[in-house]
Structures are given as C-alpha cells and as structure tokens.
Amino acid sequence: EFEVLRGGSASSLRIRLRQGDVIKAESDALVSKTSTSEIGAGMDSGGGGLGGLVGGLLGGAAWSVLTGESFFLQTLRCSGSAGEVLVAPSEQGDIAVLDVRRPMPGDQPQVL
C-alpha cells in the first residue's frame, strides 16, 4: 500500500510494508524509515551466476551513462510485522501514479 504525499514540487511516496516485503529504490531515494525496515545496497545484476553478474555490470554501467541514474540500488526490506518507508526522487517534481495492470477493452491473453 502506498500514498503520494504532495508537497508542491517536492512530492514523496509513503510505502507501507508487510513482513517480508522488499522494494528497490535508487540509492539516494530514502528519506526516512521505521525501525522494522532494513536497508541494503548493491547493484541490480538482473540475473544469477557469473553471466548474470557480468551482464548486470555492463548493463548497469551503460544504463548509468545513458540516463545519468545511479548504478547502485537500495533494497528496502520489512523485517518486522509491519513497516513504513518514505522515498522521494532526487530531483524536485511531482509523482504520477500509473495503473499498468488494467487491461484495455478487447485485450486477449497472449502466450509468447
């Protein structure tokens, strides 16, 4: 469950976590957290094993260079029965919520 906190051009996102929930955010996104929320940091390798690590390193480096975004991610994990984190973008601006789960009229399930 989440809530967008509007602060003019300095919006943030309050995320309520249940035990075991894990989210990933940019390395500088965390504003505050409850004591039951743990922080980890690392690269998002995108796969397992050495091939996944090398591909993740190269892909992460390319993404960082092309977009100017951080190469590292924070992993925010709820270790207690419930927790809460507050995250915000590094640049000022509003946060838009897009529902990408809603099917379009006439959509049929696809098998790839």
Foldseek 3Di string as FASTA:
>chain_A
DKDWADDDQWIKMKDKDFAFDKDKAAPPFFDDKDPQKDKDKDACLVDDDPVSNVNSQVVLVVCCVVPVTDRMMMMIHGHDRMMMTMTTDPDTGGDDDDDPPDDDPPDDDDDD
